Amino acid sequence: MFIKNKICAAALLVATVSMGAHAITKNQSITLEAQIDDPASDFQVNATAGSWPSTPLNVLWNHTTNSFSNPKPIGFQVKSTENVTIALSSTAQLNNGKAVIPLIVSVKAGNASGTSVTGIGLAAQKIMDKPTAPATAVFVPYELVIEATTTGMKDAAGAAITGTPLKPAPGSYSGSVDLVFESLI
């Protein structure tokens, strides 16, 4: 009987303690993506750092020098058995309502097999010629350079910013650079 009482008392103690304990739960969600290219594919465009930036890149305004501090270049590589062109699918700019900061988008070829292009626009421009031996197409390294410019800026009313020095209208700007790589394979 004594053992039964001890067991009942222990069970009652456990039940009492567990009623007083509360669990706090926090859930986190992580978004994942995977793009697996066929290594034998005739046309590929890949980021050299493993992936294209997934968080916004920052463009900063330096009030002391009256100039922009631009993001670091983004490395990528291209492989194709044919010519490759690059273009923007929309105008590259940062917007805050009607206020605009234009962006200059360029690619710098990492070797003689590629072609550097400054000021990429809506019209396609060639960045790589068809290899002389298409069966031996290799990756050509490039850097994507995005630079904010004071030339062509607009204020909150959409009017051209004038004066010396040119300064952007205050505010929070956002935008995207949408690139189109094309190879007729």
C-alpha atoms as a PDB file:
ATOM      1  CA  MET A   1       0.000   0.000   0.000  1.00  0.00           C
ATOM      2  CA  PHE A   2       2.854   2.302   0.861  1.00  0.00           C
ATOM      3  CA  ILE A   3       4.379   1.804  -2.635  1.00  0.00           C
ATOM      4  CA  LYS A   4       0.995   2.469  -4.288  1.00  0.00           C
ATOM      5  CA  ASN A   5       0.703   5.776  -2.415  1.00  0.00           C
ATOM      6  CA  LYS A   6       4.202   6.805  -3.507  1.00  0.00           C
ATOM      7  CA  ILE A   7       3.406   5.979  -7.139  1.00  0.00           C
ATOM      8  CA  CYS A   8       0.122   7.912  -6.972  1.00  0.00           C
ATOM      9  CA  ALA A   9       1.862  10.876  -5.338  1.00  0.00           C
ATOM     10  CA  ALA A  10       4.587  10.852  -7.987  1.00  0.00           C
ATOM     11  CA  ALA A  11       1.994  10.711 -10.794  1.00  0.00           C
ATOM     12  CA  LEU A  12       0.061  13.580  -9.205  1.00  0.00           C
ATOM     13  CA  LEU A  13       3.265  15.637  -8.889  1.00  0.00           C
ATOM     14  CA  VAL A  14       4.177  15.036 -12.561  1.00  0.00           C
ATOM     15  CA  ALA A  15       0.660  16.006 -13.680  1.00  0.00           C
ATOM     16  CA  THR A  16       0.764  19.202 -11.601  1.00  0.00           C
ATOM     17  CA  VAL A  17       4.186  20.244 -12.894  1.00  0.00           C
ATOM     18  CA  SER A  18       3.285  19.542 -16.524  1.00  0.00           C
ATOM     19  CA  MET A  19       0.095  21.632 -16.207  1.00  0.00           C
ATOM     20  CA  GLY A  20       2.206  24.614 -15.163  1.00  0.00           C
ATOM     21  CA  ALA A  21       4.684  24.276 -18.047  1.00  0.00           C
ATOM     22  CA  HIS A  22       3.760  26.144 -21.224  1.00  0.00           C
ATOM     23  CA  ALA A  23       5.528  25.729 -24.513  1.00  0.00           C
ATOM     24  CA  ILE A  24       6.215  28.806 -26.629  1.00  0.00           C
ATOM     25  CA  THR A  25       6.449  27.986 -30.301  1.00  0.00           C
ATOM     26  CA  LYS A  26       7.982  30.142 -33.011  1.00  0.00           C
ATOM     27  CA  ASN A  27       7.834  29.056 -36.611  1.00  0.00           C
ATOM     28  CA  GLN A  28      10.264  30.168 -39.308  1.00  0.00           C
ATOM     29  CA  SER A  29       9.847  29.689 -43.022  1.00  0.00           C
ATOM     30  CA  ILE A  30      12.795  29.522 -45.392  1.00  0.00           C
ATOM     31  CA  THR A  31      12.243  29.874 -49.113  1.00  0.00           C
ATOM     32  CA  LEU A  32      14.416  27.683 -51.288  1.00  0.00           C
ATOM     33  CA  GLU A  33      14.894  27.559 -55.022  1.00  0.00           C
ATOM     34  CA  ALA A  34      16.851  25.241 -57.254  1.00  0.00           C
ATOM     35  CA  GLN A  35      17.785  25.673 -60.873  1.00  0.00           C
ATOM     36  CA  ILE A  36      19.780  22.763 -62.171  1.00  0.00           C
ATOM     37  CA  ASP A  37      21.250  23.348 -65.605  1.00  0.00           C
ATOM     38  CA  ASP A  38      22.187  20.505 -67.886  1.00  0.00           C
ATOM     39  CA  PRO A  39      26.005  20.681 -68.071  1.00  0.00           C
ATOM     40  CA  ALA A  40      25.788  19.457 -71.671  1.00  0.00           C
ATOM     41  CA  SER A  41      23.410  22.291 -72.668  1.00  0.00           C
ATOM     42  CA  ASP A  42      24.598  24.379 -75.624  1.00  0.00           C
ATOM     43  CA  PHE A  43      23.632  27.673 -73.908  1.00  0.00           C
ATOM     44  CA  GLN A  44      24.186  28.587 -70.257  1.00  0.00           C
ATOM     45  CA  VAL A  45      24.373  31.770 -68.174  1.00  0.00           C
ATOM     46  CA  ASN A  46      25.433  31.156 -64.563  1.00  0.00           C
ATOM     47  CA  ALA A  47      26.439  33.309 -61.622  1.00  0.00           C
ATOM     48  CA  THR A  48      30.036  32.561 -60.622  1.00  0.00           C
ATOM     49  CA  ALA A  49      29.284  32.963 -56.907  1.00  0.00           C
ATOM     50  CA  GLY A  50      26.746  30.139 -57.014  1.00  0.00           C
ATOM     51  CA  SER A  51      23.610  32.240 -57.443  1.00  0.00           C
ATOM     52  CA  TRP A  52      22.414  35.638 -58.568  1.00  0.00           C
ATOM     53  CA  PRO A  53      21.847  38.143 -55.739  1.00  0.00           C
ATOM     54  CA  SER A  54      18.542  37.437 -53.990  1.00  0.00           C
ATOM     55  CA  THR A  55      18.614  40.445 -51.682  1.00  0.00           C
ATOM     56  CA  PRO A  56      18.486  44.040 -52.904  1.00  0.00           C
ATOM     57  CA  LEU A  57      21.807  45.665 -53.776  1.00  0.00           C
ATOM     58  CA  ASN A  58      22.334  49.113 -52.266  1.00  0.00           C
ATOM     59  CA  VAL A  59      23.112  52.330 -54.094  1.00  0.00           C
ATOM     60  CA  LEU A  60      24.180  55.037 -51.646  1.00  0.00           C
ATOM     61  CA  TRP A  61      24.390  58.808 -52.090  1.00  0.00           C
ATOM     62  CA  ASN A  62      27.510  60.482 -50.643  1.00  0.00           C
ATOM     63  CA  HIS A  63      26.582  64.054 -49.616  1.00  0.00           C
ATOM     64  CA  THR A  64      30.251  64.991 -49.196  1.00  0.00           C
ATOM     65  CA  THR A  65      31.368  64.043 -52.709  1.00  0.00           C
ATOM     66  CA  ASN A  66      27.935  64.509 -54.371  1.00  0.00           C
ATOM     67  CA  SER A  67      28.246  61.113 -56.008  1.00  0.00           C
ATOM     68  CA  PHE A  68      26.765  57.640 -55.835  1.00  0.00           C
ATOM     69  CA  SER A  69      28.440  54.668 -54.206  1.00  0.00           C
ATOM     70  CA  ASN A  70      27.461  51.729 -56.394  1.00  0.00           C
ATOM     71  CA  PRO A  71      27.192  47.997 -55.652  1.00  0.00           C
ATOM     72  CA  LYS A  72      30.105  45.660 -56.336  1.00  0.00           C
ATOM     73  CA  PRO A  73      30.167  43.964 -59.758  1.00  0.00           C
ATOM     74  CA  ILE A  74      28.371  40.621 -60.072  1.00  0.00           C
ATOM     75  CA  GLY A  75      30.370  37.797 -61.623  1.00  0.00           C
ATOM     76  CA  PHE A  76      28.765  35.492 -64.159  1.00  0.00           C
ATOM     77  CA  GLN A  77      29.794  33.185 -66.987  1.00  0.00           C
ATOM     78  CA  VAL A  78      28.320  32.397 -70.395  1.00  0.00           C
ATOM     79  CA  LYS A  79      28.708  29.321 -72.597  1.00  0.00           C
ATOM     80  CA  SER A  80      27.174  28.886 -76.042  1.00  0.00           C
ATOM     81  CA  THR A  81      27.769  27.193 -79.354  1.00  0.00           C
ATOM     82  CA  GLU A  82      26.375  30.339 -81.092  1.00  0.00           C
ATOM     83  CA  ASN A  83      26.563  34.141 -80.762  1.00  0.00           C
ATOM     84  CA  VAL A  84      25.197  35.550 -77.497  1.00  0.00           C
ATOM     85  CA  THR A  85      23.477  38.912 -77.066  1.00  0.00           C
ATOM     86  CA  ILE A  86      22.373  40.852 -74.021  1.00  0.00           C
ATOM     87  CA  ALA A  87      19.646  43.481 -73.635  1.00  0.00           C
ATOM     88  CA  LEU A  88      17.437  45.040 -70.984  1.00  0.00           C
ATOM     89  CA  SER A  89      13.747  44.118 -71.030  1.00  0.00           C
ATOM     90  CA  SER A  90      12.895  47.470 -69.402  1.00  0.00           C
ATOM     91  CA  THR A  91      14.665  50.756 -68.705  1.00  0.00           C
ATOM     92  CA  ALA A  92      17.144  50.424 -65.836  1.00  0.00           C
ATOM     93  CA  GLN A  93      16.346  53.025 -63.195  1.00  0.00           C
ATOM     94  CA  LEU A  94      15.549  53.575 -59.545  1.00  0.00           C
ATOM     95  CA  ASN A  95      12.125  55.116 -58.887  1.00  0.00           C
ATOM     96  CA  ASN A  96      10.453  56.965 -56.051  1.00  0.00           C
ATOM     97  CA  GLY A  97       7.098  57.994 -57.468  1.00  0.00           C
ATOM     98  CA  LYS A  98       8.006  60.354 -60.319  1.00  0.00           C
ATOM     99  CA  ALA A  99      11.550  60.865 -59.019  1.00  0.00           C
ATOM    100  CA  VAL A 100      14.063  58.879 -61.087  1.00  0.00           C
ATOM    101  CA  ILE A 101      17.738  57.931 -60.810  1.00  0.00           C
ATOM    102  CA  PRO A 102      18.965  56.396 -64.109  1.00  0.00           C
ATOM    103  CA  LEU A 103      21.212  53.328 -64.032  1.00  0.00           C
ATOM    104  CA  ILE A 104      24.027  52.493 -66.438  1.00  0.00           C
ATOM    105  CA  VAL A 105      24.319  48.744 -66.932  1.00  0.00           C
ATOM    106  CA  SER A 106      27.511  47.282 -68.412  1.00  0.00           C
ATOM    107  CA  VAL A 107      29.269  43.950 -68.785  1.00  0.00           C
ATOM    108  CA  LYS A 108      33.029  43.525 -68.706  1.00  0.00           C
ATOM    109  CA  ALA A 109      34.443  40.454 -70.428  1.00  0.00           C
ATOM    110  CA  GLY A 110      37.015  38.512 -68.418  1.00  0.00           C
ATOM    111  CA  ASN A 111      38.980  37.345 -71.454  1.00  0.00           C
ATOM    112  CA  ALA A 112      39.386  37.855 -75.207  1.00  0.00           C
ATOM    113  CA  SER A 113      36.593  35.381 -76.037  1.00  0.00           C
ATOM    114  CA  GLY A 114      34.005  37.840 -74.740  1.00  0.00           C
ATOM    115  CA  THR A 115      33.036  41.388 -75.648  1.00  0.00           C
ATOM    116  CA  SER A 116      32.578  44.165 -73.080  1.00  0.00           C
ATOM    117  CA  VAL A 117      29.522  46.401 -73.502  1.00  0.00           C
ATOM    118  CA  THR A 118      28.953  49.730 -71.734  1.00  0.00           C
ATOM    119  CA  GLY A 119      25.459  51.168 -71.522  1.00  0.00           C
ATOM    120  CA  ILE A 120      23.332  48.109 -72.237  1.00  0.00           C
ATOM    121  CA  GLY A 121      19.901  49.169 -73.468  1.00  0.00           C
ATOM    122  CA  LEU A 122      16.684  47.741 -74.845  1.00  0.00           C
ATOM    123  CA  ALA A 123      18.354  46.764 -78.144  1.00  0.00           C
ATOM    124  CA  ALA A 124      20.370  43.528 -78.113  1.00  0.00           C
ATOM    125  CA  GLN A 125      24.167  43.841 -78.220  1.00  0.00           C
ATOM    126  CA  LYS A 126      26.595  40.989 -78.859  1.00  0.00           C
ATOM    127  CA  ILE A 127      28.767  39.917 -75.921  1.00  0.00           C
ATOM    128  CA  MET A 128      30.106  36.667 -77.349  1.00  0.00           C
ATOM    129  CA  ASP A 129      30.886  35.383 -80.846  1.00  0.00           C
ATOM    130  CA  LYS A 130      30.135  31.871 -81.990  1.00  0.00           C
ATOM    131  CA  PRO A 131      33.162  29.703 -81.164  1.00  0.00           C
ATOM    132  CA  THR A 132      35.216  28.558 -84.154  1.00  0.00           C
ATOM    133  CA  ALA A 133      34.809  24.989 -82.902  1.00  0.00           C
ATOM    134  CA  PRO A 134      31.268  24.896 -81.399  1.00  0.00           C
ATOM    135  CA  ALA A 135      31.800  21.401 -80.001  1.00  0.00           C
ATOM    136  CA  THR A 136      34.424  22.885 -77.658  1.00  0.00           C
ATOM    137  CA  ALA A 137      32.363  25.815 -76.336  1.00  0.00           C
ATOM    138  CA  VAL A 138      33.718  26.948 -72.969  1.00  0.00           C
ATOM    139  CA  PHE A 139      32.504  29.346 -70.303  1.00  0.00           C
ATOM    140  CA  VAL A 140      33.528  32.989 -70.748  1.00  0.00           C
ATOM    141  CA  PRO A 141      33.694  35.026 -67.499  1.00  0.00           C
ATOM    142  CA  TYR A 142      32.037  38.451 -67.191  1.00  0.00           C
ATOM    143  CA  GLU A 143      31.261  41.074 -64.576  1.00  0.00           C
ATOM    144  CA  LEU A 144      27.906  42.844 -64.492  1.00  0.00           C
ATOM    145  CA  VAL A 145      28.370  46.472 -63.430  1.00  0.00           C
ATOM    146  CA  ILE A 146      25.400  48.607 -62.321  1.00  0.00           C
ATOM    147  CA  GLU A 147      26.031  52.314 -61.746  1.00  0.00           C
ATOM    148  CA  ALA A 148      23.623  55.055 -60.721  1.00  0.00           C
ATOM    149  CA  THR A 149      24.194  58.312 -62.584  1.00  0.00           C
ATOM    150  CA  THR A 150      23.210  61.912 -61.898  1.00  0.00           C
ATOM    151  CA  THR A 151      22.683  62.538 -65.624  1.00  0.00           C
ATOM    152  CA  GLY A 152      18.980  62.386 -66.440  1.00  0.00           C
ATOM    153  CA  MET A 153      17.696  62.404 -62.854  1.00  0.00           C
ATOM    154  CA  LYS A 154      14.138  63.630 -62.232  1.00  0.00           C
ATOM    155  CA  ASP A 155      12.633  65.205 -59.127  1.00  0.00           C
ATOM    156  CA  ALA A 156       9.414  64.246 -57.296  1.00  0.00           C
ATOM    157  CA  ALA A 157       7.350  66.174 -59.889  1.00  0.00           C
ATOM    158  CA  GLY A 158       9.029  64.311 -62.757  1.00  0.00           C
ATOM    159  CA  ALA A 159      11.018  67.364 -63.887  1.00  0.00           C
ATOM    160  CA  ALA A 160      14.687  67.130 -64.862  1.00  0.00           C
ATOM    161  CA  ILE A 161      17.034  67.943 -61.975  1.00  0.00           C
ATOM    162  CA  THR A 162      19.322  70.832 -62.844  1.00  0.00           C
ATOM    163  CA  GLY A 163      21.971  72.861 -61.060  1.00  0.00           C
ATOM    164  CA  THR A 164      25.475  72.250 -59.930  1.00  0.00           C
ATOM    165  CA  PRO A 165      26.135  69.857 -58.358  1.00  0.00           C
ATOM    166  CA  LEU A 166      23.295  67.565 -59.423  1.00  0.00           C
ATOM    167  CA  LYS A 167      21.672  65.884 -56.418  1.00  0.00           C
ATOM    168  CA  PRO A 168      18.896  63.280 -56.337  1.00  0.00           C
ATOM    169  CA  ALA A 169      15.533  64.132 -54.779  1.00  0.00           C
ATOM    170  CA  PRO A 170      15.325  62.781 -51.208  1.00  0.00           C
ATOM    171  CA  GLY A 171      13.343  59.583 -50.733  1.00  0.00           C
ATOM    172  CA  SER A 172      13.352  55.821 -50.825  1.00  0.00           C
ATOM    173  CA  TYR A 173      14.029  54.453 -54.314  1.00  0.00           C
ATOM    174  CA  SER A 174      13.669  50.976 -55.747  1.00  0.00           C
ATOM    175  CA  GLY A 175      13.998  49.310 -59.118  1.00  0.00           C
ATOM    176  CA  SER A 176      15.250  46.273 -60.941  1.00  0.00           C
ATOM    177  CA  VAL A 177      17.610  45.455 -63.768  1.00  0.00           C
ATOM    178  CA  ASP A 178      16.008  42.861 -66.021  1.00  0.00           C
ATOM    179  CA  LEU A 179      18.505  41.263 -68.392  1.00  0.00           C
ATOM    180  CA  VAL A 180      17.766  39.127 -71.443  1.00  0.00           C
ATOM    181  CA  PHE A 181      20.545  36.828 -72.676  1.00  0.00           C
ATOM    182  CA  GLU A 182      19.854  35.265 -76.053  1.00  0.00           C
ATOM    183  CA  SER A 183      21.598  32.698 -78.217  1.00  0.00           C
ATOM    184  CA  LEU A 184      20.061  31.304 -81.403  1.00  0.00           C
ATOM    185  CA  ILE A 185      20.844  27.634 -80.925  1.00  0.00           C
END
